[in-house]
């Protein structure tokens, strides 16, 4: 239950948002057609993927000018701020593959896993 979803296509992520919305009794945001085309209703109360600008805004703590979703660059500390691929010569982060979502501290907004671990899907390109 604490592990991130892996090996999921964008369409599967959108379908999961619809399923999660249904479980919560909310209106689904996505209409998935037989052709696999998807229409989004952003006025619906359900769950949806963030657009890239929303993800970026949150990952940069309300748009701060920085390279990573955490306050320091990788070189500022001996500990890893997230689970990301290391070179064989680098100190490990304690995880061979993915890690539980809350294994590393959240950003200043209290959101976990914005960098490293698995790739994130956004609604737009």
PDB file of N, CA and C in Angstrom:
ATOM      1  N   UNK A   1       0.801  -1.214   0.000  1.00  0.00           N
ATOM      2  CA  UNK A   1       0.000   0.000   0.000  1.00  0.00           C
ATOM      3  C   UNK A   1       0.835   1.265   0.000  1.00  0.00           C
ATOM      4  N   UNK A   2       2.084   1.189   0.465  1.00  0.00           N
ATOM      5  CA  UNK A   2       2.938   2.368   0.521  1.00  0.00           C
ATOM      6  C   UNK A   2       3.865   2.488  -0.685  1.00  0.00           C
ATOM      7  N   UNK A   3       3.771   1.571  -1.617  1.00  0.00           N
ATOM      8  CA  UNK A   3       4.670   1.585  -2.769  1.00  0.00           C
ATOM      9  C   UNK A   3       4.049   2.371  -3.919  1.00  0.00           C
ATOM     10  N   UNK A   4       4.890   2.993  -4.741  1.00  0.00           N
ATOM     11  CA  UNK A   4       4.362   3.729  -5.893  1.00  0.00           C
ATOM     12  C   UNK A   4       3.874   2.770  -6.972  1.00  0.00           C
ATOM     13  N   UNK A   5       2.975   3.232  -7.803  1.00  0.00           N
ATOM     14  CA  UNK A   5       2.534   2.450  -8.957  1.00  0.00           C
ATOM     15  C   UNK A   5       3.651   2.471  -9.990  1.00  0.00           C
ATOM     16  N   UNK A   6       3.925   1.334 -10.585  1.00  0.00           N
ATOM     17  CA  UNK A   6       5.001   1.227 -11.568  1.00  0.00           C
ATOM     18  C   UNK A   6       4.476   0.656 -12.880  1.00  0.00           C
ATOM     19  N   UNK A   7       5.210   0.911 -13.956  1.00  0.00           N
ATOM     20  CA  UNK A   7       4.917   0.334 -15.269  1.00  0.00           C
ATOM     21  C   UNK A   7       3.480   0.598 -15.704  1.00  0.00           C
ATOM     22  N   UNK A   8       3.039   1.812 -15.518  1.00  0.00           N
ATOM     23  CA  UNK A   8       1.675   2.205 -15.844  1.00  0.00           C
ATOM     24  C   UNK A   8       1.720   3.176 -17.023  1.00  0.00           C
ATOM     25  N   UNK A   9       0.878   2.919 -18.015  1.00  0.00           N
ATOM     26  CA  UNK A   9       0.806   3.840 -19.143  1.00  0.00           C
ATOM     27  C   UNK A   9       0.024   5.086 -18.734  1.00  0.00           C
ATOM     28  N   UNK A  10       0.084   6.108 -19.563  1.00  0.00           N
ATOM     29  CA  UNK A  10      -0.678   7.328 -19.298  1.00  0.00           C
ATOM     30  C   UNK A  10      -2.172   7.026 -19.259  1.00  0.00           C
ATOM     31  N   UNK A  11      -2.638   6.198 -20.204  1.00  0.00           N
ATOM     32  CA  UNK A  11      -4.059   5.836 -20.247  1.00  0.00           C
ATOM     33  C   UNK A  11      -4.466   5.071 -18.980  1.00  0.00           C
ATOM     34  N   UNK A  12      -3.603   4.201 -18.499  1.00  0.00           N
ATOM     35  CA  UNK A  12      -3.891   3.470 -17.257  1.00  0.00           C
ATOM     36  C   UNK A  12      -3.936   4.420 -16.068  1.00  0.00           C
ATOM     37  N   UNK A  13      -3.077   5.432 -16.064  1.00  0.00           N
ATOM     38  CA  UNK A  13      -3.089   6.414 -14.977  1.00  0.00           C
ATOM     39  C   UNK A  13      -4.397   7.209 -14.984  1.00  0.00           C
ATOM     40  N   UNK A  14      -4.861   7.591 -16.167  1.00  0.00           N
ATOM     41  CA  UNK A  14      -6.131   8.316 -16.275  1.00  0.00           C
ATOM     42  C   UNK A  14      -7.296   7.420 -15.838  1.00  0.00           C
ATOM     43  N   UNK A  15      -7.257   6.152 -16.226  1.00  0.00           N
ATOM     44  CA  UNK A  15      -8.311   5.218 -15.814  1.00  0.00           C
ATOM     45  C   UNK A  15      -8.287   5.032 -14.297  1.00  0.00           C
ATOM     46  N   UNK A  16      -7.094   4.996 -13.706  1.00  0.00           N
ATOM     47  CA  UNK A  16      -6.995   4.892 -12.247  1.00  0.00           C
ATOM     48  C   UNK A  16      -7.628   6.120 -11.583  1.00  0.00           C
ATOM     49  N   UNK A  17      -7.377   7.300 -12.138  1.00  0.00           N
ATOM     50  CA  UNK A  17      -7.991   8.519 -11.589  1.00  0.00           C
ATOM     51  C   UNK A  17      -9.511   8.397 -11.598  1.00  0.00           C
ATOM     52  N   UNK A  18     -10.063   7.880 -12.691  1.00  0.00           N
ATOM     53  CA  UNK A  18     -11.517   7.674 -12.756  1.00  0.00           C
ATOM     54  C   UNK A  18     -11.976   6.671 -11.707  1.00  0.00           C
ATOM     55  N   UNK A  19     -11.250   5.568 -11.563  1.00  0.00           N
ATOM     56  CA  UNK A  19     -11.604   4.555 -10.563  1.00  0.00           C
ATOM     57  C   UNK A  19     -11.557   5.141  -9.162  1.00  0.00           C
ATOM     58  N   UNK A  20     -10.488   5.882  -8.881  1.00  0.00           N
ATOM     59  CA  UNK A  20     -10.338   6.493  -7.550  1.00  0.00           C
ATOM     60  C   UNK A  20     -11.457   7.505  -7.302  1.00  0.00           C
ATOM     61  N   UNK A  21     -11.820   8.258  -8.307  1.00  0.00           N
ATOM     62  CA  UNK A  21     -12.928   9.213  -8.191  1.00  0.00           C
ATOM     63  C   UNK A  21     -14.224   8.483  -7.852  1.00  0.00           C
ATOM     64  N   UNK A  22     -14.465   7.374  -8.544  1.00  0.00           N
ATOM     65  CA  UNK A  22     -15.678   6.592  -8.297  1.00  0.00           C
ATOM     66  C   UNK A  22     -15.694   6.061  -6.860  1.00  0.00           C
ATOM     67  N   UNK A  23     -14.535   5.585  -6.383  1.00  0.00           N
ATOM     68  CA  UNK A  23     -14.436   5.068  -5.015  1.00  0.00           C
ATOM     69  C   UNK A  23     -14.741   6.147  -3.979  1.00  0.00           C
ATOM     70  N   UNK A  24     -14.388   7.384  -4.299  1.00  0.00           N
ATOM     71  CA  UNK A  24     -14.595   8.503  -3.379  1.00  0.00           C
ATOM     72  C   UNK A  24     -15.951   9.186  -3.576  1.00  0.00           C
ATOM     73  N   UNK A  25     -16.745   8.697  -4.514  1.00  0.00           N
ATOM     74  CA  UNK A  25     -18.046   9.296  -4.766  1.00  0.00           C
ATOM     75  C   UNK A  25     -17.968  10.641  -5.464  1.00  0.00           C
ATOM     76  N   UNK A  26     -16.944  10.832  -6.265  1.00  0.00           N
ATOM     77  CA  UNK A  26     -16.756  12.081  -7.003  1.00  0.00           C
ATOM     78  C   UNK A  26     -17.011  11.881  -8.488  1.00  0.00           C
ATOM     79  N   UNK A  27     -17.269  12.973  -9.179  1.00  0.00           N
ATOM     80  CA  UNK A  27     -17.493  12.921 -10.627  1.00  0.00           C
ATOM     81  C   UNK A  27     -16.175  12.671 -11.351  1.00  0.00           C
ATOM     82  N   UNK A  28     -16.169  11.719 -12.286  1.00  0.00           N
ATOM     83  CA  UNK A  28     -14.960  11.403 -13.034  1.00  0.00           C
ATOM     84  C   UNK A  28     -14.555  12.560 -13.942  1.00  0.00           C
ATOM     85  N   UNK A  29     -13.257  12.791 -14.024  1.00  0.00           N
ATOM     86  CA  UNK A  29     -12.720  13.873 -14.859  1.00  0.00           C
ATOM     87  C   UNK A  29     -12.466  13.444 -16.296  1.00  0.00           C
ATOM     88  N   UNK A  30     -12.276  12.143 -16.516  1.00  0.00           N
ATOM     89  CA  UNK A  30     -11.900  11.671 -17.839  1.00  0.00           C
ATOM     90  C   UNK A  30     -13.021  10.881 -18.498  1.00  0.00           C
ATOM     91  N   UNK A  31     -13.229  11.159 -19.780  1.00  0.00           N
ATOM     92  CA  UNK A  31     -14.081  10.339 -20.620  1.00  0.00           C
ATOM     93  C   UNK A  31     -13.137   9.606 -21.557  1.00  0.00           C
ATOM     94  N   UNK A  32     -13.084   8.289 -21.409  1.00  0.00           N
ATOM     95  CA  UNK A  32     -12.169   7.473 -22.212  1.00  0.00           C
ATOM     96  C   UNK A  32     -12.995   6.795 -23.302  1.00  0.00           C
ATOM     97  N   UNK A  33     -12.684   7.128 -24.541  1.00  0.00           N
ATOM     98  CA  UNK A  33     -13.435   6.607 -25.691  1.00  0.00           C
ATOM     99  C   UNK A  33     -12.831   5.280 -26.152  1.00  0.00           C
ATOM    100  N   UNK A  34     -13.598   4.534 -26.925  1.00  0.00           N
ATOM    101  CA  UNK A  34     -13.110   3.250 -27.434  1.00  0.00           C
ATOM    102  C   UNK A  34     -11.847   3.411 -28.259  1.00  0.00           C
ATOM    103  N   UNK A  35     -11.692   4.556 -28.887  1.00  0.00           N
ATOM    104  CA  UNK A  35     -10.497   4.837 -29.691  1.00  0.00           C
ATOM    105  C   UNK A  35      -9.282   5.158 -28.817  1.00  0.00           C
ATOM    106  N   UNK A  36      -9.472   5.159 -27.501  1.00  0.00           N
ATOM    107  CA  UNK A  36      -8.458   5.525 -26.503  1.00  0.00           C
ATOM    108  C   UNK A  36      -8.202   7.020 -26.437  1.00  0.00           C
ATOM    109  N   UNK A  37      -8.973   7.806 -27.192  1.00  0.00           N
ATOM    110  CA  UNK A  37      -8.917   9.257 -27.024  1.00  0.00           C
ATOM    111  C   UNK A  37      -9.542   9.581 -25.679  1.00  0.00           C
ATOM    112  N   UNK A  38      -9.012  10.594 -25.037  1.00  0.00           N
ATOM    113  CA  UNK A  38      -9.505  10.967 -23.716  1.00  0.00           C
ATOM    114  C   UNK A  38      -9.871  12.440 -23.701  1.00  0.00           C
ATOM    115  N   UNK A  39     -11.041  12.730 -23.157  1.00  0.00           N
ATOM    116  CA  UNK A  39     -11.466  14.114 -22.941  1.00  0.00           C
ATOM    117  C   UNK A  39     -11.432  14.374 -21.441  1.00  0.00           C
ATOM    118  N   UNK A  40     -11.012  15.575 -21.061  1.00  0.00           N
ATOM    119  CA  UNK A  40     -10.914  15.932 -19.650  1.00  0.00           C
ATOM    120  C   UNK A  40     -11.932  16.999 -19.299  1.00  0.00           C
ATOM    121  N   UNK A  41     -12.611  16.788 -18.190  1.00  0.00           N
ATOM    122  CA  UNK A  41     -13.519  17.789 -17.636  1.00  0.00           C
ATOM    123  C   UNK A  41     -12.886  18.296 -16.340  1.00  0.00           C
ATOM    124  N   UNK A  42     -12.159  19.400 -16.426  1.00  0.00           N
ATOM    125  CA  UNK A  42     -11.466  19.930 -15.246  1.00  0.00           C
ATOM    126  C   UNK A  42     -12.426  20.528 -14.221  1.00  0.00           C
ATOM    127  N   UNK A  43     -13.694  20.702 -14.582  1.00  0.00           N
ATOM    128  CA  UNK A  43     -14.670  21.210 -13.614  1.00  0.00           C
ATOM    129  C   UNK A  43     -15.244  20.087 -12.753  1.00  0.00           C
ATOM    130  N   UNK A  44     -14.976  18.825 -13.132  1.00  0.00           N
ATOM    131  CA  UNK A  44     -15.471  17.686 -12.355  1.00  0.00           C
ATOM    132  C   UNK A  44     -14.736  17.619 -11.019  1.00  0.00           C
ATOM    133  N   UNK A  45     -15.388  17.040 -10.025  1.00  0.00           N
ATOM    134  CA  UNK A  45     -14.829  17.005  -8.668  1.00  0.00           C
ATOM    135  C   UNK A  45     -13.864  15.854  -8.438  1.00  0.00           C
ATOM    136  N   UNK A  46     -13.670  15.002  -9.439  1.00  0.00           N
ATOM    137  CA  UNK A  46     -12.845  13.818  -9.267  1.00  0.00           C
ATOM    138  C   UNK A  46     -11.355  14.065  -9.355  1.00  0.00           C
ATOM    139  N   UNK A  47     -10.622  12.967  -9.268  1.00  0.00           N
ATOM    140  CA  UNK A  47      -9.162  13.008  -9.329  1.00  0.00           C
ATOM    141  C   UNK A  47      -8.708  13.046 -10.772  1.00  0.00           C
ATOM    142  N   UNK A  48      -7.615  13.735 -11.007  1.00  0.00           N
ATOM    143  CA  UNK A  48      -7.022  13.807 -12.338  1.00  0.00           C
ATOM    144  C   UNK A  48      -5.523  13.982 -12.197  1.00  0.00           C
ATOM    145  N   UNK A  49      -4.820  13.759 -13.276  1.00  0.00           N
ATOM    146  CA  UNK A  49      -3.385  14.014 -13.307  1.00  0.00           C
ATOM    147  C   UNK A  49      -3.154  15.521 -13.350  1.00  0.00           C
ATOM    148  N   UNK A  50      -2.080  15.996 -12.727  1.00  0.00           N
ATOM    149  CA  UNK A  50      -1.807  17.433 -12.822  1.00  0.00           C
ATOM    150  C   UNK A  50      -1.290  17.780 -14.215  1.00  0.00           C
ATOM    151  N   UNK A  51      -1.544  18.977 -14.674  1.00  0.00           N
ATOM    152  CA  UNK A  51      -0.876  19.435 -15.892  1.00  0.00           C
ATOM    153  C   UNK A  51       0.568  19.743 -15.505  1.00  0.00           C
ATOM    154  N   UNK A  52       1.452  19.801 -16.479  1.00  0.00           N
ATOM    155  CA  UNK A  52       2.874  19.977 -16.203  1.00  0.00           C
ATOM    156  C   UNK A  52       3.145  21.240 -15.395  1.00  0.00           C
ATOM    157  N   UNK A  53       2.467  22.321 -15.705  1.00  0.00           N
ATOM    158  CA  UNK A  53       2.686  23.575 -14.978  1.00  0.00           C
ATOM    159  C   UNK A  53       2.287  23.448 -13.507  1.00  0.00           C
ATOM    160  N   UNK A  54       1.228  22.688 -13.211  1.00  0.00           N
ATOM    161  CA  UNK A  54       0.830  22.467 -11.815  1.00  0.00           C
ATOM    162  C   UNK A  54       1.889  21.646 -11.082  1.00  0.00           C
ATOM    163  N   UNK A  55       2.364  20.572 -11.735  1.00  0.00           N
ATOM    164  CA  UNK A  55       3.391  19.732 -11.118  1.00  0.00           C
ATOM    165  C   UNK A  55       4.650  20.555 -10.842  1.00  0.00           C
ATOM    166  N   UNK A  56       5.070  21.324 -11.828  1.00  0.00           N
ATOM    167  CA  UNK A  56       6.269  22.160 -11.692  1.00  0.00           C
ATOM    168  C   UNK A  56       6.108  23.174 -10.566  1.00  0.00           C
ATOM    169  N   UNK A  57       4.967  23.802 -10.461  1.00  0.00           N
ATOM    170  CA  UNK A  57       4.695  24.797  -9.430  1.00  0.00           C
ATOM    171  C   UNK A  57       4.828  24.180  -8.040  1.00  0.00           C
ATOM    172  N   UNK A  58       4.264  23.001  -7.872  1.00  0.00           N
ATOM    173  CA  UNK A  58       4.336  22.316  -6.572  1.00  0.00           C
ATOM    174  C   UNK A  58       5.750  21.788  -6.313  1.00  0.00           C
ATOM    175  N   UNK A  59       6.376  21.179  -7.323  1.00  0.00           N
ATOM    176  CA  UNK A  59       7.720  20.631  -7.146  1.00  0.00           C
ATOM    177  C   UNK A  59       8.739  21.719  -6.824  1.00  0.00           C
ATOM    178  N   UNK A  60       8.514  22.929  -7.287  1.00  0.00           N
ATOM    179  CA  UNK A  60       9.426  24.041  -7.011  1.00  0.00           C
ATOM    180  C   UNK A  60       8.937  24.896  -5.847  1.00  0.00           C
ATOM    181  N   UNK A  61       8.070  24.336  -4.988  1.00  0.00           N
ATOM    182  CA  UNK A  61       7.557  25.069  -3.826  1.00  0.00           C
ATOM    183  C   UNK A  61       7.021  26.432  -4.236  1.00  0.00           C
ATOM    184  N   UNK A  62       5.919  26.397  -4.967  1.00  0.00           N
ATOM    185  CA  UNK A  62       5.221  27.595  -5.441  1.00  0.00           C
ATOM    186  C   UNK A  62       6.042  28.370  -6.469  1.00  0.00           C
ATOM    187  N   UNK A  63       6.834  27.666  -7.256  1.00  0.00           N
ATOM    188  CA  UNK A  63       7.557  28.303  -8.349  1.00  0.00           C
ATOM    189  C   UNK A  63       8.929  28.859  -8.021  1.00  0.00           C
ATOM    190  N   UNK A  64       9.520  28.469  -6.882  1.00  0.00           N
ATOM    191  CA  UNK A  64      10.861  28.955  -6.524  1.00  0.00           C
ATOM    192  C   UNK A  64      11.872  28.551  -7.599  1.00  0.00           C
ATOM    193  N   UNK A  65      12.924  29.339  -7.740  1.00  0.00           N
ATOM    194  CA  UNK A  65      13.942  29.081  -8.749  1.00  0.00           C
ATOM    195  C   UNK A  65      14.938  28.056  -8.208  1.00  0.00           C
ATOM    196  N   UNK A  66      14.674  26.779  -8.487  1.00  0.00           N
ATOM    197  CA  UNK A  66      15.605  25.731  -8.078  1.00  0.00           C
ATOM    198  C   UNK A  66      15.486  24.541  -9.011  1.00  0.00           C
ATOM    199  N   UNK A  67      16.503  23.711  -8.983  1.00  0.00           N
ATOM    200  CA  UNK A  67      16.610  22.615  -9.931  1.00  0.00           C
ATOM    201  C   UNK A  67      15.847  21.363  -9.496  1.00  0.00           C
ATOM    202  N   UNK A  68      15.742  21.112  -8.202  1.00  0.00           N
ATOM    203  CA  UNK A  68      15.142  19.887  -7.695  1.00  0.00           C
ATOM    204  C   UNK A  68      13.956  20.194  -6.787  1.00  0.00           C
ATOM    205  N   UNK A  69      13.089  19.204  -6.524  1.00  0.00           N
ATOM    206  CA  UNK A  69      11.933  19.437  -5.652  1.00  0.00           C
ATOM    207  C   UNK A  69      12.274  19.549  -4.172  1.00  0.00           C
ATOM    208  N   UNK A  70      13.523  19.484  -3.815  1.00  0.00           N
ATOM    209  CA  UNK A  70      13.945  19.648  -2.426  1.00  0.00           C
ATOM    210  C   UNK A  70      14.822  20.886  -2.347  1.00  0.00           C
ATOM    211  N   UNK A  71      14.973  21.471  -1.165  1.00  0.00           N
ATOM    212  CA  UNK A  71      15.649  22.763  -1.029  1.00  0.00           C
ATOM    213  C   UNK A  71      17.119  22.792  -1.432  1.00  0.00           C
ATOM    214  N   UNK A  72      17.858  21.709  -1.256  1.00  0.00           N
ATOM    215  CA  UNK A  72      19.296  21.726  -1.544  1.00  0.00           C
ATOM    216  C   UNK A  72      19.604  20.951  -2.810  1.00  0.00           C
ATOM    217  N   UNK A  73      20.722  21.280  -3.428  1.00  0.00           N
ATOM    218  CA  UNK A  73      21.159  20.475  -4.570  1.00  0.00           C
ATOM    219  C   UNK A  73      21.764  19.188  -4.028  1.00  0.00           C
ATOM    220  N   UNK A  74      21.956  18.205  -4.882  1.00  0.00           N
ATOM    221  CA  UNK A  74      22.469  16.902  -4.441  1.00  0.00           C
ATOM    222  C   UNK A  74      23.828  17.007  -3.755  1.00  0.00           C
ATOM    223  N   UNK A  75      24.663  17.923  -4.176  1.00  0.00           N
ATOM    224  CA  UNK A  75      26.002  18.027  -3.632  1.00  0.00           C
ATOM    225  C   UNK A  75      26.084  18.669  -2.264  1.00  0.00           C
ATOM    226  N   UNK A  76      24.979  19.221  -1.754  1.00  0.00           N
ATOM    227  CA  UNK A  76      25.008  19.926  -0.476  1.00  0.00           C
ATOM    228  C   UNK A  76      24.963  19.019   0.740  1.00  0.00           C
ATOM    229  N   UNK A  77      24.767  17.738   0.557  1.00  0.00           N
ATOM    230  CA  UNK A  77      24.582  16.843   1.691  1.00  0.00           C
ATOM    231  C   UNK A  77      25.134  15.462   1.380  1.00  0.00           C
ATOM    232  N   UNK A  78      25.489  14.721   2.417  1.00  0.00           N
ATOM    233  CA  UNK A  78      25.953  13.350   2.235  1.00  0.00           C
ATOM    234  C   UNK A  78      24.791  12.362   2.157  1.00  0.00           C
ATOM    235  N   UNK A  79      23.601  12.795   2.543  1.00  0.00           N
ATOM    236  CA  UNK A  79      22.439  11.919   2.491  1.00  0.00           C
ATOM    237  C   UNK A  79      21.631  12.221   1.238  1.00  0.00           C
ATOM    238  N   UNK A  80      20.950  11.230   0.758  1.00  0.00           N
ATOM    239  CA  UNK A  80      20.139  11.402  -0.442  1.00  0.00           C
ATOM    240  C   UNK A  80      18.784  11.998  -0.083  1.00  0.00           C
ATOM    241  N   UNK A  81      18.312  13.001  -0.830  1.00  0.00           N
ATOM    242  CA  UNK A  81      17.006  13.598  -0.570  1.00  0.00           C
ATOM    243  C   UNK A  81      15.857  12.847  -1.233  1.00  0.00           C
ATOM    244  N   UNK A  82      16.188  11.851  -2.088  1.00  0.00           N
ATOM    245  CA  UNK A  82      15.161  11.090  -2.799  1.00  0.00           C
ATOM    246  C   UNK A  82      15.781   9.802  -3.324  1.00  0.00           C
ATOM    247  N   UNK A  83      14.955   8.905  -3.786  1.00  0.00           N
ATOM    248  CA  UNK A  83      15.418   7.658  -4.376  1.00  0.00           C
ATOM    249  C   UNK A  83      15.610   7.882  -5.867  1.00  0.00           C
ATOM    250  N   UNK A  84      16.850   8.007  -6.299  1.00  0.00           N
ATOM    251  CA  UNK A  84      17.127   8.192  -7.714  1.00  0.00           C
ATOM    252  C   UNK A  84      18.296   7.298  -8.106  1.00  0.00           C
ATOM    253  N   UNK A  85      18.421   7.064  -9.384  1.00  0.00           N
ATOM    254  CA  UNK A  85      19.444   6.155  -9.878  1.00  0.00           C
ATOM    255  C   UNK A  85      20.834   6.662  -9.509  1.00  0.00           C
ATOM    256  N   UNK A  86      21.622   5.773  -8.916  1.00  0.00           N
ATOM    257  CA  UNK A  86      22.987   6.134  -8.575  1.00  0.00           C
ATOM    258  C   UNK A  86      23.962   5.435  -9.521  1.00  0.00           C
ATOM    259  N   UNK A  87      25.094   6.042  -9.694  1.00  0.00           N
ATOM    260  CA  UNK A  87      26.169   5.374 -10.412  1.00  0.00           C
ATOM    261  C   UNK A  87      26.772   4.354  -9.455  1.00  0.00           C
ATOM    262  N   UNK A  88      27.481   3.390  -9.996  1.00  0.00           N
ATOM    263  CA  UNK A  88      28.056   2.346  -9.149  1.00  0.00           C
ATOM    264  C   UNK A  88      29.019   2.918  -8.110  1.00  0.00           C
ATOM    265  N   UNK A  89      29.619   4.062  -8.385  1.00  0.00           N
ATOM    266  CA  UNK A  89      30.578   4.644  -7.447  1.00  0.00           C
ATOM    267  C   UNK A  89      29.916   5.529  -6.398  1.00  0.00           C
ATOM    268  N   UNK A  90      28.621   5.825  -6.564  1.00  0.00           N
ATOM    269  CA  UNK A  90      27.938   6.721  -5.636  1.00  0.00           C
ATOM    270  C   UNK A  90      27.455   5.972  -4.399  1.00  0.00           C
ATOM    271  N   UNK A  91      27.339   6.697  -3.306  1.00  0.00           N
ATOM    272  CA  UNK A  91      26.773   6.131  -2.091  1.00  0.00           C
ATOM    273  C   UNK A  91      25.309   5.787  -2.353  1.00  0.00           C
ATOM    274  N   UNK A  92      24.887   4.617  -1.941  1.00  0.00           N
ATOM    275  CA  UNK A  92      23.505   4.206  -2.165  1.00  0.00           C
ATOM    276  C   UNK A  92      22.538   4.973  -1.280  1.00  0.00           C
ATOM    277  N   UNK A  93      21.272   4.984  -1.680  1.00  0.00           N
ATOM    278  CA  UNK A  93      20.243   5.667  -0.885  1.00  0.00           C
ATOM    279  C   UNK A  93      19.496   4.693   0.023  1.00  0.00           C
ATOM    280  N   UNK A  94      19.924   3.421   0.024  1.00  0.00           N
ATOM    281  CA  UNK A  94      19.301   2.427   0.877  1.00  0.00           C
ATOM    282  C   UNK A  94      18.257   1.570   0.184  1.00  0.00           C
ATOM    283  N   UNK A  95      17.992   1.830  -1.084  1.00  0.00           N
ATOM    284  CA  UNK A  95      16.962   1.090  -1.820  1.00  0.00           C
ATOM    285  C   UNK A  95      17.549   0.590  -3.123  1.00  0.00           C
ATOM    286  N   UNK A  96      17.338  -0.693  -3.403  1.00  0.00           N
ATOM    287  CA  UNK A  96      17.840  -1.235  -4.658  1.00  0.00           C
ATOM    288  C   UNK A  96      16.980  -0.789  -5.827  1.00  0.00           C
ATOM    289  N   UNK A  97      15.653  -0.733  -5.626  1.00  0.00           N
ATOM    290  CA  UNK A  97      14.748  -0.329  -6.694  1.00  0.00           C
ATOM    291  C   UNK A  97      13.893   0.834  -6.204  1.00  0.00           C
ATOM    292  N   UNK A  98      12.581   0.671  -6.197  1.00  0.00           N
ATOM    293  CA  UNK A  98      11.723   1.737  -5.691  1.00  0.00           C
ATOM    294  C   UNK A  98      11.636   1.647  -4.170  1.00  0.00           C
ATOM    295  N   UNK A  99      11.136   2.699  -3.555  1.00  0.00           N
ATOM    296  CA  UNK A  99      10.999   2.731  -2.101  1.00  0.00           C
ATOM    297  C   UNK A  99       9.575   3.149  -1.738  1.00  0.00           C
ATOM    298  N   UNK A 100       9.157   2.914  -0.486  1.00  0.00           N
ATOM    299  CA  UNK A 100       7.831   3.388  -0.070  1.00  0.00           C
ATOM    300  C   UNK A 100       7.713   4.895  -0.282  1.00  0.00           C
ATOM    301  N   UNK A 101       6.511   5.361  -0.544  1.00  0.00           N
ATOM    302  CA  UNK A 101       6.284   6.759  -0.891  1.00  0.00           C
ATOM    303  C   UNK A 101       6.821   7.728   0.171  1.00  0.00           C
ATOM    304  N   UNK A 102       6.683   7.420   1.436  1.00  0.00           N
ATOM    305  CA  UNK A 102       7.105   8.339   2.497  1.00  0.00           C
ATOM    306  C   UNK A 102       8.485   8.005   3.072  1.00  0.00           C
ATOM    307  N   UNK A 103       9.333   7.346   2.276  1.00  0.00           N
ATOM    308  CA  UNK A 103      10.671   6.983   2.742  1.00  0.00           C
ATOM    309  C   UNK A 103      11.587   8.198   2.884  1.00  0.00           C
ATOM    310  N   UNK A 104      11.302   9.271   2.172  1.00  0.00           N
ATOM    311  CA  UNK A 104      12.097  10.498   2.230  1.00  0.00           C
ATOM    312  C   UNK A 104      11.187  11.639   2.651  1.00  0.00           C
ATOM    313  N   UNK A 105      11.749  12.687   3.224  1.00  0.00           N
ATOM    314  CA  UNK A 105      10.913  13.802   3.703  1.00  0.00           C
ATOM    315  C   UNK A 105      10.116  14.467   2.582  1.00  0.00           C
ATOM    316  N   UNK A 106       8.973  15.062   2.928  1.00  0.00           N
ATOM    317  CA  UNK A 106       8.176  15.787   1.927  1.00  0.00           C
ATOM    318  C   UNK A 106       8.816  17.136   1.616  1.00  0.00           C
ATOM    319  N   UNK A 107       8.309  17.779   0.583  1.00  0.00           N
ATOM    320  CA  UNK A 107       8.774  19.142   0.306  1.00  0.00           C
ATOM    321  C   UNK A 107       8.118  20.104   1.308  1.00  0.00           C
ATOM    322  N   UNK A 108       8.354  21.373   1.149  1.00  0.00           N
ATOM    323  CA  UNK A 108       7.829  22.365   2.093  1.00  0.00           C
ATOM    324  C   UNK A 108       6.302  22.429   2.112  1.00  0.00           C
ATOM    325  N   UNK A 109       5.672  21.927   1.060  1.00  0.00           N
ATOM    326  CA  UNK A 109       4.210  21.913   0.996  1.00  0.00           C
ATOM    327  C   UNK A 109       3.618  20.634   1.581  1.00  0.00           C
ATOM    328  N   UNK A 110       4.485  19.726   2.051  1.00  0.00           N
ATOM    329  CA  UNK A 110       4.027  18.482   2.660  1.00  0.00           C
ATOM    330  C   UNK A 110       3.737  17.380   1.650  1.00  0.00           C
ATOM    331  N   UNK A 111       4.257  17.500   0.427  1.00  0.00           N
ATOM    332  CA  UNK A 111       3.987  16.522  -0.624  1.00  0.00           C
ATOM    333  C   UNK A 111       5.202  15.619  -0.805  1.00  0.00           C
ATOM    334  N   UNK A 112       4.949  14.326  -0.810  1.00  0.00           N
ATOM    335  CA  UNK A 112       6.008  13.320  -0.917  1.00  0.00           C
ATOM    336  C   UNK A 112       6.243  12.891  -2.353  1.00  0.00           C
ATOM    337  N   UNK A 113       7.464  12.456  -2.634  1.00  0.00           N
ATOM    338  CA  UNK A 113       7.782  11.762  -3.873  1.00  0.00           C
ATOM    339  C   UNK A 113       7.704  12.562  -5.151  1.00  0.00           C
ATOM    340  N   UNK A 114       8.049  13.821  -5.112  1.00  0.00           N
ATOM    341  CA  UNK A 114       7.989  14.639  -6.336  1.00  0.00           C
ATOM    342  C   UNK A 114       9.226  14.480  -7.215  1.00  0.00           C
ATOM    343  N   UNK A 115      10.232  13.838  -6.710  1.00  0.00           N
ATOM    344  CA  UNK A 115      11.438  13.611  -7.492  1.00  0.00           C
ATOM    345  C   UNK A 115      12.020  12.256  -7.143  1.00  0.00           C
ATOM    346  N   UNK A 116      12.529  11.552  -8.134  1.00  0.00           N
ATOM    347  CA  UNK A 116      13.099  10.243  -7.895  1.00  0.00           C
ATOM    348  C   UNK A 116      12.025   9.177  -7.796  1.00  0.00           C
ATOM    349  N   UNK A 117      12.456   7.975  -7.463  1.00  0.00           N
ATOM    350  CA  UNK A 117      11.614   6.805  -7.248  1.00  0.00           C
ATOM    351  C   UNK A 117      10.987   6.303  -8.545  1.00  0.00           C
ATOM    352  N   UNK A 118       9.929   6.919  -9.042  1.00  0.00           N
ATOM    353  CA  UNK A 118       9.324   6.544 -10.323  1.00  0.00           C
ATOM    354  C   UNK A 118       9.012   7.828 -11.091  1.00  0.00           C
ATOM    355  N   UNK A 119       8.835   7.704 -12.369  1.00  0.00           N
ATOM    356  CA  UNK A 119       8.480   8.867 -13.175  1.00  0.00           C
ATOM    357  C   UNK A 119       7.035   9.240 -12.929  1.00  0.00           C
ATOM    358  N   UNK A 120       6.749  10.515 -13.036  1.00  0.00           N
ATOM    359  CA  UNK A 120       5.400  11.012 -12.804  1.00  0.00           C
ATOM    360  C   UNK A 120       4.724  11.322 -14.143  1.00  0.00           C
ATOM    361  N   UNK A 121       3.455  10.978 -14.252  1.00  0.00           N
ATOM    362  CA  UNK A 121       2.669  11.338 -15.426  1.00  0.00           C
ATOM    363  C   UNK A 121       1.985  12.677 -15.195  1.00  0.00           C
ATOM    364  N   UNK A 122       1.932  13.476 -16.228  1.00  0.00           N
ATOM    365  CA  UNK A 122       1.175  14.727 -16.215  1.00  0.00           C
ATOM    366  C   UNK A 122       0.101  14.627 -17.287  1.00  0.00           C
ATOM    367  N   UNK A 123      -0.915  15.452 -17.153  1.00  0.00           N
ATOM    368  CA  UNK A 123      -2.033  15.389 -18.099  1.00  0.00           C
ATOM    369  C   UNK A 123      -1.647  15.882 -19.493  1.00  0.00           C
ATOM    370  N   UNK A 124      -0.820  16.906 -19.559  1.00  0.00           N
ATOM    371  CA  UNK A 124      -0.447  17.451 -20.862  1.00  0.00           C
ATOM    372  C   UNK A 124       0.982  17.060 -21.193  1.00  0.00           C
ATOM    373  N   UNK A 125       1.392  17.376 -22.409  1.00  0.00           N
ATOM    374  CA  UNK A 125       2.730  17.028 -22.855  1.00  0.00           C
ATOM    375  C   UNK A 125       3.724  18.055 -22.410  1.00  0.00           C
TER     376      UNK A 125
END
